[in-house]
Amino acid sequence: MAMNASEIESLIKAALPDAVVRIEDLRGDGDHYAAHIVSGAFKGKSRVQQHQMVYRALKGRMGGELHALALQTTVPDDA
């Protein structure tokens, strides 16, 4: 079962309300995505911790409903 991009974005924004999220469907199959996420909540966190925050936001769907998600996380310039 695949997820749509808007559902992924909604889950991330629910967990990281200030996040600016851009989702790209890499294959057009609704199963392989890339996500670029900018959030002040990432400030002071390692890249691994940032990615763990995103995976937690997906509430266990990673590896099940969502097969692959390439993550790029950054802190806003003003954070």
N, C-alpha and C. Protein backbone atom coordinates (compact mmCIF):
# COMPACT_ATOMS: atom_id res chain seq x y z
N MET A 1 0.85 -1.18 0.00
CA MET A 1 0.00 0.00 0.00
C MET A 1 0.89 1.24 0.00
N ALA A 2 0.68 2.12 -0.91
CA ALA A 2 1.51 3.32 -1.06
C ALA A 2 0.91 4.49 -0.29
N MET A 3 1.74 5.50 -0.07
CA MET A 3 1.29 6.75 0.55
C MET A 3 1.37 7.84 -0.49
N ASN A 4 0.51 8.83 -0.38
CA ASN A 4 0.64 9.97 -1.29
C ASN A 4 1.47 11.07 -0.63
N ALA A 5 2.00 11.95 -1.44
CA ALA A 5 2.91 12.99 -0.97
C ALA A 5 2.25 13.91 0.06
N SER A 6 0.99 14.22 -0.15
CA SER A 6 0.31 15.14 0.78
C SER A 6 0.17 14.51 2.16
N GLU A 7 -0.02 13.20 2.23
CA GLU A 7 -0.11 12.52 3.52
C GLU A 7 1.24 12.56 4.25
N ILE A 8 2.31 12.35 3.51
CA ILE A 8 3.65 12.42 4.11
C ILE A 8 3.89 13.83 4.64
N GLU A 9 3.57 14.82 3.83
CA GLU A 9 3.77 16.21 4.25
C GLU A 9 2.93 16.54 5.48
N SER A 10 1.71 16.08 5.53
CA SER A 10 0.83 16.35 6.68
C SER A 10 1.38 15.76 7.97
N LEU A 11 1.88 14.53 7.89
CA LEU A 11 2.44 13.88 9.08
C LEU A 11 3.66 14.64 9.58
N ILE A 12 4.51 15.06 8.65
CA ILE A 12 5.72 15.79 9.05
C ILE A 12 5.35 17.13 9.66
N LYS A 13 4.41 17.83 9.05
CA LYS A 13 4.01 19.15 9.57
C LYS A 13 3.27 19.03 10.90
N ALA A 14 2.60 17.92 11.14
CA ALA A 14 1.93 17.72 12.43
C ALA A 14 2.97 17.61 13.55
N ALA A 15 4.09 16.97 13.25
CA ALA A 15 5.14 16.78 14.25
C ALA A 15 6.08 17.98 14.32
N LEU A 16 6.28 18.65 13.19
CA LEU A 16 7.20 19.79 13.10
C LEU A 16 6.43 20.95 12.47
N PRO A 17 5.62 21.65 13.28
CA PRO A 17 4.70 22.66 12.73
C PRO A 17 5.37 23.78 11.93
N ASP A 18 6.62 24.09 12.22
CA ASP A 18 7.28 25.18 11.48
C ASP A 18 7.94 24.69 10.19
N ALA A 19 7.85 23.42 9.92
CA ALA A 19 8.59 22.83 8.81
C ALA A 19 8.10 23.33 7.45
N VAL A 20 9.06 23.57 6.59
CA VAL A 20 8.79 23.79 5.17
C VAL A 20 9.17 22.47 4.51
N VAL A 21 8.21 21.84 3.88
CA VAL A 21 8.39 20.48 3.36
C VAL A 21 8.18 20.47 1.86
N ARG A 22 9.11 19.86 1.17
CA ARG A 22 8.96 19.65 -0.28
C ARG A 22 9.14 18.16 -0.54
N ILE A 23 8.13 17.54 -1.14
CA ILE A 23 8.15 16.11 -1.40
C ILE A 23 8.22 15.89 -2.91
N GLU A 24 9.07 14.97 -3.31
CA GLU A 24 9.19 14.63 -4.73
C GLU A 24 8.96 13.12 -4.88
N ASP A 25 8.03 12.74 -5.74
CA ASP A 25 7.79 11.32 -6.03
C ASP A 25 8.83 10.90 -7.07
N LEU A 26 9.80 10.11 -6.66
CA LEU A 26 10.95 9.81 -7.50
C LEU A 26 10.64 8.92 -8.69
N ARG A 27 9.67 8.02 -8.55
CA ARG A 27 9.37 7.08 -9.63
C ARG A 27 7.94 7.19 -10.14
N GLY A 28 7.15 8.04 -9.50
CA GLY A 28 5.76 8.14 -9.91
C GLY A 28 4.92 6.96 -9.45
N ASP A 29 5.47 6.17 -8.52
CA ASP A 29 4.74 5.00 -8.05
C ASP A 29 4.12 5.17 -6.67
N GLY A 30 4.31 6.36 -6.07
CA GLY A 30 3.77 6.60 -4.74
C GLY A 30 4.46 5.78 -3.67
N ASP A 31 5.62 5.29 -3.96
CA ASP A 31 6.31 4.42 -3.02
C ASP A 31 7.76 4.83 -2.78
N HIS A 32 8.31 5.66 -3.65
CA HIS A 32 9.70 6.10 -3.54
C HIS A 32 9.73 7.63 -3.61
N TYR A 33 10.04 8.24 -2.48
CA TYR A 33 10.00 9.70 -2.39
C TYR A 33 11.33 10.28 -1.93
N ALA A 34 11.50 11.55 -2.23
CA ALA A 34 12.57 12.35 -1.63
C ALA A 34 11.87 13.48 -0.89
N ALA A 35 12.37 13.82 0.28
CA ALA A 35 11.78 14.91 1.07
C ALA A 35 12.88 15.87 1.48
N HIS A 36 12.63 17.16 1.24
CA HIS A 36 13.52 18.21 1.73
C HIS A 36 12.74 18.96 2.80
N ILE A 37 13.29 18.99 4.00
CA ILE A 37 12.57 19.55 5.14
C ILE A 37 13.44 20.57 5.83
N VAL A 38 12.90 21.78 6.02
CA VAL A 38 13.59 22.84 6.73
C VAL A 38 12.79 23.13 7.99
N SER A 39 13.45 23.06 9.14
CA SER A 39 12.74 23.30 10.41
C SER A 39 13.70 23.81 11.47
N GLY A 40 13.24 24.77 12.23
CA GLY A 40 14.01 25.27 13.36
C GLY A 40 14.18 24.22 14.46
N ALA A 41 13.30 23.22 14.46
CA ALA A 41 13.40 22.14 15.45
C ALA A 41 14.66 21.30 15.27
N PHE A 42 15.27 21.41 14.11
CA PHE A 42 16.51 20.65 13.84
C PHE A 42 17.75 21.33 14.42
N LYS A 43 17.61 22.55 14.87
CA LYS A 43 18.77 23.31 15.36
C LYS A 43 19.43 22.57 16.54
N GLY A 44 20.74 22.41 16.45
CA GLY A 44 21.50 21.75 17.50
C GLY A 44 21.45 20.23 17.44
N LYS A 45 20.71 19.69 16.48
CA LYS A 45 20.60 18.23 16.34
C LYS A 45 21.56 17.75 15.26
N SER A 46 22.08 16.54 15.46
CA SER A 46 22.91 15.93 14.41
C SER A 46 22.02 15.56 13.23
N ARG A 47 22.64 15.27 12.11
CA ARG A 47 21.87 14.85 10.92
C ARG A 47 21.06 13.58 11.24
N VAL A 48 21.67 12.66 11.96
CA VAL A 48 20.97 11.42 12.34
C VAL A 48 19.76 11.74 13.21
N GLN A 49 19.93 12.62 14.18
CA GLN A 49 18.81 13.00 15.05
C GLN A 49 17.70 13.69 14.26
N GLN A 50 18.09 14.52 13.30
CA GLN A 50 17.09 15.18 12.45
C GLN A 50 16.28 14.15 11.68
N HIS A 51 16.96 13.17 11.12
CA HIS A 51 16.26 12.15 10.34
C HIS A 51 15.39 11.28 11.25
N GLN A 52 15.86 11.01 12.46
CA GLN A 52 15.04 10.25 13.41
C GLN A 52 13.76 11.01 13.75
N MET A 53 13.86 12.33 13.86
CA MET A 53 12.66 13.14 14.13
C MET A 53 11.64 12.99 13.00
N VAL A 54 12.13 12.97 11.78
CA VAL A 54 11.23 12.82 10.62
C VAL A 54 10.62 11.42 10.62
N TYR A 55 11.44 10.41 10.87
CA TYR A 55 10.90 9.04 10.88
C TYR A 55 9.85 8.88 11.98
N ARG A 56 10.08 9.49 13.15
CA ARG A 56 9.07 9.44 14.21
C ARG A 56 7.78 10.11 13.76
N ALA A 57 7.91 11.19 13.02
CA ALA A 57 6.72 11.90 12.52
C ALA A 57 5.88 11.01 11.61
N LEU A 58 6.52 10.06 10.95
CA LEU A 58 5.82 9.18 10.02
C LEU A 58 5.10 8.03 10.73
N LYS A 59 5.24 7.97 12.04
CA LYS A 59 4.47 7.06 12.90
C LYS A 59 4.49 5.60 12.43
N GLY A 60 5.68 5.10 12.13
CA GLY A 60 5.82 3.68 11.80
C GLY A 60 5.47 3.30 10.38
N ARG A 61 5.12 4.26 9.55
CA ARG A 61 4.76 3.92 8.16
C ARG A 61 5.98 3.64 7.28
N MET A 62 7.15 4.14 7.72
CA MET A 62 8.38 3.92 6.95
C MET A 62 8.69 2.43 6.97
N GLY A 63 8.93 1.87 5.78
CA GLY A 63 9.21 0.45 5.68
C GLY A 63 7.96 -0.39 5.49
N GLY A 64 6.81 0.21 5.67
CA GLY A 64 5.55 -0.49 5.44
C GLY A 64 4.83 0.16 4.28
N GLU A 65 3.97 1.13 4.61
CA GLU A 65 3.24 1.86 3.57
C GLU A 65 4.17 2.66 2.68
N LEU A 66 5.26 3.12 3.27
CA LEU A 66 6.23 3.94 2.54
C LEU A 66 7.52 3.15 2.40
N HIS A 67 7.84 2.79 1.18
CA HIS A 67 8.99 1.92 0.95
C HIS A 67 10.32 2.66 1.07
N ALA A 68 10.43 3.84 0.45
CA ALA A 68 11.71 4.54 0.43
C ALA A 68 11.50 6.04 0.52
N LEU A 69 12.29 6.68 1.38
CA LEU A 69 12.22 8.12 1.54
C LEU A 69 13.65 8.65 1.70
N ALA A 70 14.14 9.35 0.68
CA ALA A 70 15.45 9.98 0.75
C ALA A 70 15.26 11.32 1.46
N LEU A 71 15.97 11.52 2.56
CA LEU A 71 15.78 12.73 3.37
C LEU A 71 16.90 13.73 3.18
N GLN A 72 16.51 14.98 3.12
CA GLN A 72 17.46 16.08 3.19
C GLN A 72 16.87 17.05 4.20
N THR A 73 17.53 17.22 5.34
CA THR A 73 17.02 18.08 6.39
C THR A 73 17.99 19.23 6.63
N THR A 74 17.44 20.40 6.88
CA THR A 74 18.26 21.57 7.15
C THR A 74 17.56 22.48 8.16
N VAL A 75 18.38 23.34 8.76
CA VAL A 75 17.89 24.35 9.68
C VAL A 75 17.72 25.65 8.89
N PRO A 76 16.67 26.42 9.12
CA PRO A 76 16.53 27.69 8.40
C PRO A 76 17.70 28.63 8.73
N ASP A 77 18.01 29.50 7.82
CA ASP A 77 19.13 30.42 8.00
C ASP A 77 18.99 31.29 9.24
N ASP A 78 17.75 31.62 9.60
CA ASP A 78 17.54 32.54 10.73
C ASP A 78 17.37 31.83 12.06
N ALA A 79 17.51 30.50 12.09
CA ALA A 79 17.33 29.76 13.35
C ALA A 79 18.61 29.70 14.15
